[in-house]
Amino acid sequence: MKKLIVELLAVSMLAGCSGKTADTVPVSSASADTEQYACRAIDTYDYTGDIPTSDAVDESYYADTLFAGDSRMGSLSLYGTHPDAEIEYVTSLNIMLIKTMKVDERTDGATLYDVLSTTTKNNIYLLFGINGIRNKTFDPWAEQYQEILTMLRENNLDSNIYIILSYHPDYISGLTDDELNTQISDLNQHMITLAETNYCYYLNPDYALDGDDGKINPDYVADGLHLQPSGTHVLEDYIATHVVRSEDYVKEVCE
């Protein structure tokens, strides 16, 4: 796949969803005939591919991390092992109503959009989509997601934004297996496109959660969809070992 070359504003950090342009830094030689070189930071990360396996992050990572999404994200709140992480979710979240639906387990009446629009976290993970799985088209859904990403990019220029694809549930009422496969594939392709075009990272949790039949391991879920403790810990381990680090992808080039 063709690599995306993104020039960043700052040499020091690889931003998740910003599409930034690097500062040029003149460098002088020690000779009498001093030459000026324009130096820039080049992001060589391939936004069209899955995040490669990395060393696990330590606990300090989670103090600067927000997990936001629907009730599936609530499993991290119920069974997760990272108390410093901020986890905000809405049961039966309709992304089209993200500006009006109140966050679970909060008393201030904040919506999930309120949380996202005011966060200053450096790492932002998003898990949306399963409640719209019966949609005839995901185009309006993707337009709403784009609005959220645009807002996050404007408010958090240097934040790393991770889009979590929808893992494949055991079943969804009202859909045959073939229909569910098609809908999940279509939904996830929309999210992959959003990640590619907004320079966000995307995580595919199916790699960690699926059984041999391509559906979620039944030991990981209580109702075919929502993770129980064992599944939550598998997802946590997958997230911790799939983190993009700037030093691996940002290179300084002087011309």
Protein backbone atom coordinates (compact mmCIF):
# COMPACT_ATOMS: atom_id res chain seq x y z
CA MET A 1 0.00 0.00 0.00
CA LYS A 2 1.12 3.47 -0.71
CA LYS A 3 2.55 5.21 2.33
CA LEU A 4 1.17 8.57 3.34
CA ILE A 5 3.80 11.21 3.90
CA VAL A 6 2.60 13.80 6.39
CA GLU A 7 4.64 16.84 7.37
CA LEU A 8 4.21 17.69 11.02
CA LEU A 9 4.14 21.07 12.82
CA ALA A 10 6.42 19.91 15.61
CA VAL A 11 9.44 17.64 15.36
CA SER A 12 8.96 16.34 18.88
CA MET A 13 5.57 14.59 18.58
CA LEU A 14 3.63 12.40 16.17
CA ALA A 15 0.05 13.64 16.30
CA GLY A 16 -2.79 11.16 15.86
CA CYS A 17 -5.38 13.08 13.87
CA SER A 18 -3.88 16.35 12.79
CA GLY A 19 -2.24 16.15 9.36
CA LYS A 20 0.35 18.72 10.45
CA THR A 21 3.10 20.54 8.58
CA ALA A 22 6.62 20.63 9.98
CA ASP A 23 8.53 23.72 11.04
CA THR A 24 11.72 24.32 9.07
CA VAL A 25 14.85 24.68 11.15
CA PRO A 26 17.95 26.28 9.57
CA VAL A 27 21.24 24.54 10.32
CA SER A 28 24.55 26.35 9.76
CA SER A 29 27.85 24.70 8.83
CA ALA A 30 31.09 25.64 10.56
CA SER A 31 32.81 26.65 7.33
CA ALA A 32 33.21 30.19 6.04
CA ASP A 33 30.77 29.42 3.26
CA THR A 34 27.83 28.81 5.56
CA GLU A 35 24.98 26.91 3.98
CA GLN A 36 21.42 26.95 5.27
CA TYR A 37 19.46 23.69 5.32
CA ALA A 38 15.73 23.40 5.76
CA CYS A 39 14.98 20.55 8.17
CA ARG A 40 11.59 19.00 8.60
CA ALA A 41 10.00 16.08 10.40
CA ILE A 42 8.54 13.43 8.09
CA ASP A 43 5.88 11.07 9.40
CA THR A 44 6.41 7.69 7.72
CA TYR A 45 3.55 5.88 9.46
CA ASP A 46 1.27 3.96 7.08
CA TYR A 47 -2.24 5.14 7.98
CA THR A 48 -3.75 2.65 5.54
CA GLY A 49 -2.65 -0.36 7.61
CA ASP A 50 -3.20 -2.00 10.96
CA ILE A 51 -1.14 -0.83 13.92
CA PRO A 52 1.84 -3.20 14.28
CA THR A 53 2.57 -4.91 17.58
CA SER A 54 4.61 -2.79 19.99
CA ASP A 55 6.06 -3.07 23.46
CA ALA A 56 3.34 -2.65 26.06
CA VAL A 57 2.87 0.84 27.47
CA ASP A 58 3.36 1.32 31.21
CA GLU A 59 0.70 2.48 33.65
CA SER A 60 1.60 6.16 33.28
CA TYR A 61 0.18 6.07 29.74
CA TYR A 62 -3.37 5.75 31.04
CA ALA A 63 -3.28 8.89 33.16
CA ASP A 64 -3.31 10.81 29.88
CA THR A 65 -5.84 8.60 28.09
CA LEU A 66 -9.57 8.89 27.40
CA PHE A 67 -11.71 5.93 26.30
CA ALA A 68 -15.07 7.08 24.91
CA GLY A 69 -17.86 5.15 23.26
CA ASP A 70 -20.98 3.06 23.60
CA SER A 71 -21.84 0.36 26.16
CA ARG A 72 -19.05 -1.89 24.87
CA MET A 73 -16.61 0.68 26.24
CA GLY A 74 -18.43 0.35 29.53
CA SER A 75 -16.75 -3.04 30.00
CA LEU A 76 -13.47 -1.19 30.52
CA SER A 77 -15.15 0.82 33.25
CA LEU A 78 -16.62 -2.28 34.92
CA TYR A 79 -13.74 -4.74 34.58
CA GLY A 80 -10.70 -2.74 33.45
CA THR A 81 -7.42 -2.72 35.33
CA HIS A 82 -6.24 0.84 34.66
CA PRO A 83 -7.79 3.09 37.32
CA ASP A 84 -6.05 6.22 36.03
CA ALA A 85 -7.72 6.01 32.61
CA GLU A 86 -10.79 8.15 31.97
CA ILE A 87 -13.64 6.00 30.61
CA GLU A 88 -16.85 7.65 29.39
CA TYR A 89 -19.68 5.78 27.69
CA VAL A 90 -23.37 5.95 26.80
CA THR A 91 -25.57 2.86 26.82
CA SER A 92 -27.35 2.38 23.45
CA LEU A 93 -25.42 5.35 22.05
CA ASN A 94 -26.76 6.73 18.78
CA ILE A 95 -23.90 8.70 17.27
CA MET A 96 -26.40 10.96 15.54
CA LEU A 97 -27.58 12.01 19.02
CA ILE A 98 -24.13 12.25 20.61
CA LYS A 99 -24.72 15.91 21.49
CA THR A 100 -27.83 15.15 23.54
CA MET A 101 -27.38 11.67 25.07
CA LYS A 102 -26.07 11.84 28.65
CA VAL A 103 -22.99 9.95 29.75
CA ASP A 104 -23.60 6.97 32.05
CA GLU A 105 -22.38 7.14 35.64
CA ARG A 106 -22.11 10.94 35.73
CA THR A 107 -24.24 13.36 37.71
CA ASP A 108 -23.38 16.58 35.88
CA GLY A 109 -25.60 15.87 32.84
CA ALA A 110 -22.67 15.97 30.41
CA THR A 111 -23.13 14.45 26.98
CA LEU A 112 -20.40 12.40 25.32
CA TYR A 113 -19.88 15.27 22.88
CA ASP A 114 -19.34 17.59 25.88
CA VAL A 115 -16.66 15.25 27.17
CA LEU A 116 -14.92 14.97 23.82
CA SER A 117 -15.06 18.70 23.12
CA THR A 118 -13.40 19.59 26.43
CA THR A 119 -10.87 16.80 26.84
CA THR A 120 -7.17 17.61 26.97
CA LYS A 121 -6.00 13.99 27.00
CA ASN A 122 -3.09 13.11 24.76
CA ASN A 123 -4.50 9.69 23.81
CA ILE A 124 -8.14 9.41 22.75
CA TYR A 125 -9.80 6.08 21.93
CA LEU A 126 -13.21 5.97 20.23
CA LEU A 127 -15.57 2.98 20.01
CA PHE A 128 -18.79 3.74 18.11
CA GLY A 129 -21.15 2.03 15.71
CA ILE A 130 -22.80 -1.12 16.99
CA ASN A 131 -26.12 0.57 17.74
CA GLY A 132 -26.41 1.63 14.11
CA ILE A 133 -25.53 -1.78 12.73
CA ARG A 134 -28.92 -2.20 11.05
CA ASN A 135 -28.52 1.02 9.04
CA LYS A 136 -29.25 0.71 5.32
CA THR A 137 -26.29 3.01 4.67
CA PHE A 138 -23.50 4.24 6.91
CA ASP A 139 -22.85 7.42 4.95
CA PRO A 140 -24.77 9.80 7.30
CA TRP A 141 -23.22 7.98 10.26
CA ALA A 142 -19.74 8.53 8.82
CA GLU A 143 -20.49 12.22 8.23
CA GLN A 144 -21.36 12.60 11.92
CA TYR A 145 -18.18 10.73 12.90
CA GLN A 146 -16.22 13.09 10.65
CA GLU A 147 -17.69 16.07 12.50
CA ILE A 148 -16.46 14.58 15.77
CA LEU A 149 -12.98 13.96 14.38
CA THR A 150 -12.78 17.48 12.98
CA MET A 151 -13.71 18.93 16.36
CA LEU A 152 -11.14 16.76 18.13
CA ARG A 153 -8.43 17.73 15.66
CA GLU A 154 -9.16 21.43 16.08
CA ASN A 155 -9.19 21.22 19.89
CA ASN A 156 -6.36 18.74 20.35
CA LEU A 157 -3.85 19.30 17.59
CA ASP A 158 -1.20 17.03 19.11
CA SER A 159 -3.42 14.27 20.51
CA ASN A 160 -3.17 10.69 19.26
CA ILE A 161 -6.61 9.51 18.17
CA TYR A 162 -7.39 5.81 17.88
CA ILE A 163 -10.53 4.56 16.14
CA ILE A 164 -11.50 1.12 17.47
CA LEU A 165 -13.24 -0.92 14.80
CA SER A 166 -16.34 -2.91 15.77
CA TYR A 167 -15.45 -6.40 16.86
CA HIS A 168 -17.69 -9.12 15.43
CA PRO A 169 -20.43 -10.07 17.94
CA ASP A 170 -21.89 -13.54 18.17
CA TYR A 171 -25.24 -12.28 16.92
CA ILE A 172 -27.45 -9.21 16.54
CA SER A 173 -31.18 -9.70 16.79
CA GLY A 174 -33.01 -9.23 13.48
CA LEU A 175 -29.92 -9.96 11.34
CA THR A 176 -28.86 -13.25 9.80
CA ASP A 177 -25.21 -14.26 10.04
CA ASP A 178 -24.62 -13.19 6.44
CA GLU A 179 -26.35 -9.85 6.99
CA LEU A 180 -24.34 -9.25 10.15
CA ASN A 181 -21.09 -10.07 8.37
CA THR A 182 -21.94 -7.61 5.61
CA GLN A 183 -22.98 -4.85 8.00
CA ILE A 184 -19.91 -5.21 10.23
CA SER A 185 -17.63 -5.18 7.18
CA ASP A 186 -19.31 -2.08 5.75
CA LEU A 187 -19.27 -0.26 9.09
CA ASN A 188 -15.60 -1.00 9.67
CA GLN A 189 -14.63 0.02 6.15
CA HIS A 190 -16.20 3.42 6.78
CA MET A 191 -14.12 3.75 9.94
CA ILE A 192 -10.93 2.68 8.18
CA THR A 193 -11.55 5.35 5.54
CA LEU A 194 -12.13 7.94 8.27
CA ALA A 195 -8.85 6.93 9.91
CA GLU A 196 -6.91 7.12 6.65
CA THR A 197 -8.29 10.49 5.59
CA ASN A 198 -7.92 12.11 9.02
CA TYR A 199 -4.50 10.65 9.90
CA CYS A 200 -5.93 8.71 12.83
CA TYR A 201 -4.88 5.23 13.88
CA TYR A 202 -7.30 2.32 13.81
CA LEU A 203 -7.37 -0.79 15.96
CA ASN A 204 -8.97 -4.05 14.88
CA PRO A 205 -9.85 -5.91 18.11
CA ASP A 206 -11.07 -8.96 16.15
CA TYR A 207 -7.43 -10.06 15.99
CA ALA A 208 -7.50 -10.52 19.76
CA LEU A 209 -11.14 -11.40 20.44
CA ASP A 210 -12.22 -13.69 17.58
CA GLY A 211 -12.43 -17.44 17.74
CA ASP A 212 -11.72 -19.81 14.86
CA ASP A 213 -15.16 -19.18 13.35
CA GLY A 214 -14.50 -15.47 12.84
CA LYS A 215 -16.89 -14.48 15.63
CA ILE A 216 -16.05 -13.31 19.09
CA ASN A 217 -14.80 -16.03 21.44
CA PRO A 218 -17.87 -16.98 23.50
CA ASP A 219 -15.72 -17.12 26.63
CA TYR A 220 -15.12 -13.38 26.30
CA VAL A 221 -18.74 -12.20 26.25
CA ALA A 222 -21.74 -12.62 28.52
CA ASP A 223 -24.47 -11.94 25.94
CA GLY A 224 -22.75 -12.36 22.60
CA LEU A 225 -21.73 -8.69 22.49
CA HIS A 226 -20.62 -7.15 25.78
CA LEU A 227 -17.26 -8.19 27.19
CA GLN A 228 -17.03 -9.93 30.51
CA PRO A 229 -13.82 -9.71 32.62
CA SER A 230 -11.79 -12.20 30.56
CA GLY A 231 -12.63 -10.47 27.27
CA THR A 232 -12.01 -7.04 28.76
CA HIS A 233 -8.51 -8.05 29.86
CA VAL A 234 -7.74 -9.46 26.41
CA LEU A 235 -8.84 -6.18 24.83
CA GLU A 236 -6.76 -4.20 27.35
CA ASP A 237 -3.68 -6.25 26.48
CA TYR A 238 -4.28 -5.73 22.77
CA ILE A 239 -4.60 -1.96 23.20
CA ALA A 240 -1.48 -1.80 25.38
CA THR A 241 0.63 -3.60 22.77
CA HIS A 242 -0.61 -1.64 19.75
CA VAL A 243 0.48 1.92 20.41
CA VAL A 244 2.10 4.17 17.81
CA ARG A 245 5.29 5.82 19.09
CA SER A 246 6.67 8.89 17.37
CA GLU A 247 10.30 7.79 17.59
CA ASP A 248 9.50 4.80 15.38
CA TYR A 249 7.99 6.79 12.53
CA VAL A 250 9.06 10.43 12.63
CA LYS A 251 12.36 11.10 10.86
CA GLU A 252 14.16 14.41 10.50
CA VAL A 253 15.21 15.22 6.94
CA CYS A 254 17.43 18.18 6.08
CA GLU A 255 17.79 19.43 2.52
